């Protein structure tokens, strides 16, 4: 356990991002197939958090509202949904340096996942499960 002293020792690498051209159906599929609770989304140099509950609420609203049953919403690009303010991305993610000590990084954590960086590159993500 002593060798696990830095954030980059406990993070999950190979982060899957929501791409602007993804549909809600694609995002939902990625989350379901990989058991992801969160996916990051980058827009204008800032990173946002898309949660499984955000996707579930949106997904179900498509089917709950008669007007929203159109196929166009189902296949809309995520970027368009954000522009139209149909999907809120106000939940900006914290970034943490991969060389940070685990105890210091954990004390800065607000309960949400954090993206791990090395220089200007994103190298991983740390979720509640990783801190355990």
N, C-alpha and C. Protein backbone atom coordinates (compact mmCIF):
# COMPACT_ATOMS: atom_id res chain seq x y z
N UNK A 1 0.81 -1.19 0.00
CA UNK A 1 0.00 0.00 0.00
C UNK A 1 0.86 1.26 0.00
N UNK A 2 2.05 1.19 0.56
CA UNK A 2 2.93 2.36 0.61
C UNK A 2 3.31 2.85 -0.78
N UNK A 3 3.33 1.95 -1.75
CA UNK A 3 3.69 2.34 -3.11
C UNK A 3 2.56 3.09 -3.81
N UNK A 4 1.38 3.08 -3.22
CA UNK A 4 0.25 3.80 -3.78
C UNK A 4 0.16 5.16 -3.11
N UNK A 5 1.07 6.04 -3.46
CA UNK A 5 1.13 7.33 -2.78
C UNK A 5 0.67 8.50 -3.63
N UNK A 6 0.57 8.30 -4.94
CA UNK A 6 0.19 9.39 -5.83
C UNK A 6 -1.11 9.06 -6.56
N UNK A 7 -1.79 10.10 -6.97
CA UNK A 7 -3.06 9.94 -7.68
C UNK A 7 -2.90 9.07 -8.91
N UNK A 8 -1.79 9.21 -9.63
CA UNK A 8 -1.61 8.41 -10.85
C UNK A 8 -1.44 6.92 -10.56
N UNK A 9 -1.25 6.55 -9.31
CA UNK A 9 -1.16 5.13 -8.93
C UNK A 9 -2.54 4.49 -8.78
N UNK A 10 -3.56 5.30 -8.51
CA UNK A 10 -4.89 4.74 -8.26
C UNK A 10 -5.93 5.08 -9.32
N UNK A 11 -5.59 6.00 -10.20
CA UNK A 11 -6.55 6.46 -11.22
C UNK A 11 -6.87 5.35 -12.22
N UNK A 12 -7.96 5.56 -12.93
CA UNK A 12 -8.30 4.73 -14.09
C UNK A 12 -7.81 5.47 -15.32
N UNK A 13 -7.02 4.82 -16.14
CA UNK A 13 -6.49 5.45 -17.35
C UNK A 13 -7.43 5.27 -18.52
N UNK A 14 -6.99 5.71 -19.68
CA UNK A 14 -7.77 5.57 -20.91
C UNK A 14 -9.20 6.07 -20.75
N UNK A 15 -9.32 7.32 -20.41
CA UNK A 15 -10.62 7.93 -20.16
C UNK A 15 -11.43 7.99 -21.45
N UNK A 16 -12.68 7.58 -21.37
CA UNK A 16 -13.61 7.69 -22.48
C UNK A 16 -14.36 9.00 -22.33
N UNK A 17 -14.28 9.84 -23.34
CA UNK A 17 -14.96 11.14 -23.33
C UNK A 17 -16.22 11.08 -24.18
N UNK A 18 -17.20 11.90 -23.83
CA UNK A 18 -18.35 12.12 -24.68
C UNK A 18 -17.86 13.03 -25.80
N UNK A 19 -18.04 12.60 -27.02
CA UNK A 19 -17.65 13.41 -28.18
C UNK A 19 -18.86 14.23 -28.63
N UNK A 20 -18.63 15.41 -29.20
CA UNK A 20 -19.75 16.29 -29.60
C UNK A 20 -20.75 15.62 -30.54
N UNK A 21 -20.29 14.69 -31.37
CA UNK A 21 -21.16 14.05 -32.36
C UNK A 21 -21.89 12.83 -31.81
N UNK A 22 -21.61 12.42 -30.56
CA UNK A 22 -22.31 11.29 -29.96
C UNK A 22 -23.79 11.63 -29.79
N UNK A 23 -24.62 10.62 -29.91
CA UNK A 23 -26.04 10.77 -29.60
C UNK A 23 -26.26 10.32 -28.15
N UNK A 24 -27.41 10.67 -27.60
CA UNK A 24 -27.74 10.19 -26.25
C UNK A 24 -27.78 8.67 -26.24
N UNK A 25 -28.26 8.07 -27.32
CA UNK A 25 -28.29 6.60 -27.41
C UNK A 25 -26.87 6.02 -27.32
N UNK A 26 -25.92 6.66 -27.97
CA UNK A 26 -24.52 6.21 -27.94
C UNK A 26 -23.93 6.38 -26.53
N UNK A 27 -24.19 7.53 -25.90
CA UNK A 27 -23.68 7.77 -24.55
C UNK A 27 -24.26 6.74 -23.58
N UNK A 28 -25.54 6.51 -23.69
CA UNK A 28 -26.22 5.51 -22.84
C UNK A 28 -25.61 4.13 -23.04
N UNK A 29 -25.37 3.77 -24.29
CA UNK A 29 -24.80 2.46 -24.61
C UNK A 29 -23.40 2.31 -24.00
N UNK A 30 -22.56 3.33 -24.12
CA UNK A 30 -21.21 3.29 -23.55
C UNK A 30 -21.28 3.10 -22.04
N UNK A 31 -22.18 3.85 -21.40
CA UNK A 31 -22.32 3.73 -19.95
C UNK A 31 -22.78 2.34 -19.54
N UNK A 32 -23.76 1.81 -20.25
CA UNK A 32 -24.29 0.49 -19.90
C UNK A 32 -23.27 -0.63 -20.15
N UNK A 33 -22.60 -0.59 -21.29
CA UNK A 33 -21.65 -1.65 -21.63
C UNK A 33 -20.41 -1.67 -20.72
N UNK A 34 -20.03 -0.50 -20.21
CA UNK A 34 -18.82 -0.40 -19.41
C UNK A 34 -19.06 -0.17 -17.92
N UNK A 35 -20.32 -0.14 -17.53
CA UNK A 35 -20.70 0.15 -16.14
C UNK A 35 -20.11 1.47 -15.67
N UNK A 36 -20.12 2.48 -16.54
CA UNK A 36 -19.64 3.81 -16.18
C UNK A 36 -20.76 4.59 -15.52
N UNK A 37 -20.45 5.28 -14.45
CA UNK A 37 -21.42 6.18 -13.82
C UNK A 37 -21.25 7.60 -14.32
N UNK A 38 -20.09 7.89 -14.87
CA UNK A 38 -19.76 9.24 -15.33
C UNK A 38 -18.94 9.17 -16.60
N UNK A 39 -19.15 10.18 -17.44
CA UNK A 39 -18.29 10.39 -18.60
C UNK A 39 -17.97 11.88 -18.67
N UNK A 40 -16.72 12.22 -18.91
CA UNK A 40 -16.38 13.64 -19.07
C UNK A 40 -16.67 14.11 -20.50
N UNK A 41 -16.86 15.41 -20.60
CA UNK A 41 -17.12 16.07 -21.87
C UNK A 41 -16.29 17.35 -21.88
N UNK A 42 -15.54 17.56 -22.95
CA UNK A 42 -14.69 18.74 -23.07
C UNK A 42 -15.34 19.73 -24.02
N UNK A 43 -15.43 20.98 -23.57
CA UNK A 43 -15.97 22.04 -24.43
C UNK A 43 -15.21 23.32 -24.13
N UNK A 44 -14.62 23.87 -25.16
CA UNK A 44 -13.89 25.14 -25.04
C UNK A 44 -12.81 25.10 -23.97
N UNK A 45 -12.11 23.99 -23.89
CA UNK A 45 -11.00 23.87 -22.93
C UNK A 45 -11.41 23.61 -21.50
N UNK A 46 -12.70 23.46 -21.25
CA UNK A 46 -13.19 23.12 -19.91
C UNK A 46 -13.78 21.73 -19.95
N UNK A 47 -13.76 21.07 -18.81
CA UNK A 47 -14.25 19.70 -18.72
C UNK A 47 -15.49 19.65 -17.84
N UNK A 48 -16.47 18.91 -18.31
CA UNK A 48 -17.75 18.79 -17.61
C UNK A 48 -18.04 17.31 -17.36
N UNK A 49 -18.92 17.08 -16.42
CA UNK A 49 -19.25 15.73 -16.01
C UNK A 49 -20.66 15.37 -16.46
N UNK A 50 -20.79 14.28 -17.18
CA UNK A 50 -22.08 13.76 -17.58
C UNK A 50 -22.31 12.51 -16.74
N UNK A 51 -23.35 12.52 -15.93
CA UNK A 51 -23.59 11.37 -15.05
C UNK A 51 -24.65 10.44 -15.64
N UNK A 52 -24.66 9.22 -15.14
CA UNK A 52 -25.65 8.25 -15.58
C UNK A 52 -27.07 8.74 -15.27
N UNK A 53 -27.24 9.44 -14.14
CA UNK A 53 -28.58 9.93 -13.79
C UNK A 53 -29.00 11.05 -14.74
N UNK A 54 -28.05 11.88 -15.19
CA UNK A 54 -28.36 12.92 -16.19
C UNK A 54 -28.88 12.27 -17.47
N UNK A 55 -28.19 11.24 -17.91
CA UNK A 55 -28.57 10.54 -19.15
C UNK A 55 -29.91 9.84 -18.95
N UNK A 56 -30.10 9.20 -17.81
CA UNK A 56 -31.37 8.49 -17.54
C UNK A 56 -32.55 9.45 -17.54
N UNK A 57 -32.38 10.61 -16.91
CA UNK A 57 -33.47 11.60 -16.88
C UNK A 57 -33.79 12.09 -18.29
N UNK A 58 -32.76 12.39 -19.06
CA UNK A 58 -32.98 12.86 -20.42
C UNK A 58 -33.62 11.76 -21.26
N UNK A 59 -33.06 10.57 -21.17
CA UNK A 59 -33.54 9.43 -21.95
C UNK A 59 -35.03 9.19 -21.68
N UNK A 60 -35.41 9.20 -20.41
CA UNK A 60 -36.80 8.95 -20.06
C UNK A 60 -37.71 10.10 -20.45
N UNK A 61 -37.19 11.33 -20.45
CA UNK A 61 -38.02 12.47 -20.85
C UNK A 61 -38.41 12.38 -22.32
N UNK A 62 -37.56 11.76 -23.12
CA UNK A 62 -37.88 11.58 -24.54
C UNK A 62 -39.15 10.77 -24.69
N UNK A 63 -39.30 9.76 -23.85
CA UNK A 63 -40.42 8.85 -23.98
C UNK A 63 -41.63 9.28 -23.15
N UNK A 64 -41.42 10.15 -22.16
CA UNK A 64 -42.52 10.59 -21.31
C UNK A 64 -43.31 11.73 -21.91
N UNK A 65 -42.72 12.49 -22.78
CA UNK A 65 -43.35 13.67 -23.33
C UNK A 65 -43.72 13.41 -24.79
N UNK A 66 -45.00 13.52 -25.10
CA UNK A 66 -45.47 13.23 -26.46
C UNK A 66 -44.71 14.01 -27.53
N UNK A 67 -44.43 15.30 -27.27
CA UNK A 67 -43.72 16.12 -28.25
C UNK A 67 -42.31 15.61 -28.46
N UNK A 68 -41.72 15.06 -27.43
CA UNK A 68 -40.31 14.68 -27.47
C UNK A 68 -40.08 13.29 -28.05
N UNK A 69 -41.12 12.61 -28.47
CA UNK A 69 -40.94 11.25 -28.98
C UNK A 69 -40.35 11.22 -30.39
N UNK A 70 -40.11 12.39 -30.94
CA UNK A 70 -39.60 12.42 -32.31
C UNK A 70 -38.23 11.77 -32.38
N UNK A 71 -37.99 11.16 -33.48
CA UNK A 71 -36.71 10.50 -33.69
C UNK A 71 -35.55 11.50 -33.70
N UNK A 72 -35.84 12.75 -34.04
CA UNK A 72 -34.76 13.73 -34.12
C UNK A 72 -34.06 13.92 -32.78
N UNK A 73 -34.79 13.88 -31.67
CA UNK A 73 -34.17 14.02 -30.36
C UNK A 73 -33.33 12.79 -30.03
N UNK A 74 -33.85 11.65 -30.38
CA UNK A 74 -33.17 10.38 -30.11
C UNK A 74 -31.81 10.32 -30.80
N UNK A 75 -31.71 10.90 -31.98
CA UNK A 75 -30.47 10.84 -32.76
C UNK A 75 -29.72 12.16 -32.83
N UNK A 76 -30.17 13.15 -32.06
CA UNK A 76 -29.48 14.44 -32.04
C UNK A 76 -28.07 14.29 -31.50
N UNK A 77 -27.16 15.08 -32.06
CA UNK A 77 -25.80 15.09 -31.54
C UNK A 77 -25.79 15.77 -30.18
N UNK A 78 -24.94 15.26 -29.30
CA UNK A 78 -24.86 15.79 -27.94
C UNK A 78 -24.58 17.29 -27.96
N UNK A 79 -23.66 17.71 -28.81
CA UNK A 79 -23.31 19.12 -28.92
C UNK A 79 -24.54 19.99 -29.21
N UNK A 80 -25.42 19.51 -30.08
CA UNK A 80 -26.64 20.25 -30.40
C UNK A 80 -27.57 20.33 -29.20
N UNK A 81 -27.66 19.25 -28.44
CA UNK A 81 -28.51 19.25 -27.24
C UNK A 81 -27.99 20.24 -26.21
N UNK A 82 -26.68 20.37 -26.11
CA UNK A 82 -26.08 21.34 -25.19
C UNK A 82 -26.36 22.76 -25.67
N UNK A 83 -26.16 22.99 -26.97
CA UNK A 83 -26.42 24.33 -27.53
C UNK A 83 -27.87 24.76 -27.33
N UNK A 84 -28.78 23.81 -27.49
CA UNK A 84 -30.21 24.10 -27.34
C UNK A 84 -30.64 24.12 -25.88
N UNK A 85 -29.69 23.93 -24.98
CA UNK A 85 -29.94 23.91 -23.54
C UNK A 85 -30.93 22.82 -23.13
N UNK A 86 -30.92 21.73 -23.88
CA UNK A 86 -31.74 20.57 -23.53
C UNK A 86 -30.98 19.65 -22.57
N UNK A 87 -29.66 19.80 -22.57
CA UNK A 87 -28.81 18.99 -21.70
C UNK A 87 -27.86 19.93 -20.99
N UNK A 88 -27.93 19.96 -19.67
CA UNK A 88 -27.14 20.88 -18.85
C UNK A 88 -25.74 20.32 -18.61
N UNK A 89 -24.72 21.12 -18.90
CA UNK A 89 -23.34 20.70 -18.63
C UNK A 89 -22.65 21.67 -17.68
N UNK A 90 -23.38 22.23 -16.75
CA UNK A 90 -22.81 23.23 -15.85
C UNK A 90 -21.91 22.63 -14.77
N UNK A 91 -21.84 21.33 -14.70
CA UNK A 91 -21.09 20.64 -13.66
C UNK A 91 -19.62 20.49 -14.07
N UNK A 92 -18.84 21.58 -13.94
CA UNK A 92 -17.44 21.57 -14.37
C UNK A 92 -16.60 20.68 -13.46
N UNK A 93 -15.72 19.92 -14.07
CA UNK A 93 -14.87 18.97 -13.34
C UNK A 93 -13.60 19.61 -12.80
N UNK A 94 -13.19 19.11 -11.65
CA UNK A 94 -11.90 19.49 -11.10
C UNK A 94 -10.81 18.70 -11.80
N UNK A 95 -9.67 19.33 -11.99
CA UNK A 95 -8.49 18.65 -12.53
C UNK A 95 -7.48 18.53 -11.40
N UNK A 96 -6.78 17.42 -11.37
CA UNK A 96 -5.75 17.19 -10.35
C UNK A 96 -4.51 16.64 -11.03
N UNK A 97 -3.35 17.08 -10.59
CA UNK A 97 -2.10 16.59 -11.15
C UNK A 97 -1.89 15.15 -10.71
N UNK A 98 -1.48 14.31 -11.63
CA UNK A 98 -1.26 12.90 -11.35
C UNK A 98 -0.19 12.64 -10.31
N UNK A 99 0.75 13.56 -10.13
CA UNK A 99 1.81 13.39 -9.14
C UNK A 99 1.41 13.87 -7.75
N UNK A 100 0.19 14.36 -7.59
CA UNK A 100 -0.29 14.81 -6.28
C UNK A 100 -0.37 13.64 -5.31
N UNK A 101 -0.09 13.91 -4.07
CA UNK A 101 -0.24 12.89 -3.03
C UNK A 101 -1.72 12.58 -2.85
N UNK A 102 -2.02 11.31 -2.67
CA UNK A 102 -3.40 10.87 -2.55
C UNK A 102 -4.12 11.61 -1.43
N UNK A 103 -3.50 11.72 -0.27
CA UNK A 103 -4.17 12.35 0.87
C UNK A 103 -4.51 13.82 0.59
N UNK A 104 -3.60 14.53 -0.07
CA UNK A 104 -3.86 15.94 -0.40
C UNK A 104 -4.97 16.06 -1.45
N UNK A 105 -4.93 15.20 -2.45
CA UNK A 105 -5.94 15.24 -3.50
C UNK A 105 -7.31 14.88 -2.93
N UNK A 106 -7.36 13.91 -2.06
CA UNK A 106 -8.62 13.49 -1.47
C UNK A 106 -9.22 14.61 -0.62
N UNK A 107 -8.39 15.37 0.05
CA UNK A 107 -8.89 16.48 0.87
C UNK A 107 -9.49 17.59 0.01
N UNK A 108 -9.09 17.67 -1.26
CA UNK A 108 -9.62 18.68 -2.18
C UNK A 108 -10.86 18.17 -2.93
N UNK A 109 -11.14 16.89 -2.80
CA UNK A 109 -12.23 16.28 -3.56
C UNK A 109 -13.58 16.71 -2.99
N UNK A 110 -14.50 17.04 -3.89
CA UNK A 110 -15.83 17.48 -3.49
C UNK A 110 -16.88 16.37 -3.62
N UNK A 111 -16.42 15.14 -3.72
CA UNK A 111 -17.34 14.02 -3.82
C UNK A 111 -17.62 13.57 -5.24
N UNK A 112 -17.11 14.31 -6.20
CA UNK A 112 -17.30 13.96 -7.60
C UNK A 112 -16.00 13.44 -8.19
N UNK A 113 -16.07 12.77 -9.31
CA UNK A 113 -14.84 12.35 -9.99
C UNK A 113 -13.96 13.55 -10.32
N UNK A 114 -12.67 13.28 -10.45
CA UNK A 114 -11.70 14.30 -10.83
C UNK A 114 -10.92 13.77 -12.02
N UNK A 115 -10.65 14.64 -12.98
CA UNK A 115 -9.79 14.26 -14.08
C UNK A 115 -8.34 14.43 -13.65
N UNK A 116 -7.50 13.49 -14.06
CA UNK A 116 -6.09 13.51 -13.70
C UNK A 116 -5.30 13.97 -14.91
N UNK A 117 -4.39 14.91 -14.67
CA UNK A 117 -3.61 15.46 -15.78
C UNK A 117 -2.12 15.29 -15.52
N UNK A 118 -1.40 15.31 -16.59
CA UNK A 118 0.06 15.37 -16.57
C UNK A 118 0.42 16.46 -17.56
N UNK A 119 0.89 17.59 -17.05
CA UNK A 119 1.08 18.74 -17.92
C UNK A 119 -0.27 19.22 -18.39
N UNK A 120 -0.47 19.31 -19.69
CA UNK A 120 -1.76 19.74 -20.23
C UNK A 120 -2.59 18.57 -20.74
N UNK A 121 -2.10 17.36 -20.56
CA UNK A 121 -2.77 16.17 -21.09
C UNK A 121 -3.59 15.47 -20.00
N UNK A 122 -4.80 15.04 -20.33
CA UNK A 122 -5.62 14.25 -19.42
C UNK A 122 -5.14 12.80 -19.52
N UNK A 123 -4.77 12.23 -18.36
CA UNK A 123 -4.22 10.87 -18.36
C UNK A 123 -5.10 9.88 -17.62
N UNK A 124 -6.14 10.37 -16.93
CA UNK A 124 -6.99 9.44 -16.19
C UNK A 124 -8.14 10.14 -15.50
N UNK A 125 -8.87 9.34 -14.73
CA UNK A 125 -9.98 9.84 -13.94
C UNK A 125 -9.95 9.11 -12.61
N UNK A 126 -10.33 9.83 -11.55
CA UNK A 126 -10.40 9.24 -10.23
C UNK A 126 -11.84 9.39 -9.74
N UNK A 127 -12.47 8.27 -9.40
CA UNK A 127 -13.84 8.28 -8.90
C UNK A 127 -13.82 7.81 -7.44
N UNK A 128 -14.96 7.82 -6.81
CA UNK A 128 -15.07 7.40 -5.40
C UNK A 128 -14.51 5.98 -5.23
N UNK A 129 -14.76 5.12 -6.18
CA UNK A 129 -14.28 3.74 -6.09
C UNK A 129 -12.75 3.68 -6.04
N UNK A 130 -12.09 4.53 -6.79
CA UNK A 130 -10.62 4.55 -6.80
C UNK A 130 -10.03 4.98 -5.47
N UNK A 131 -10.70 5.89 -4.78
CA UNK A 131 -10.19 6.36 -3.49
C UNK A 131 -10.22 5.24 -2.45
N UNK A 132 -11.14 4.29 -2.61
CA UNK A 132 -11.23 3.19 -1.65
C UNK A 132 -10.02 2.30 -1.73
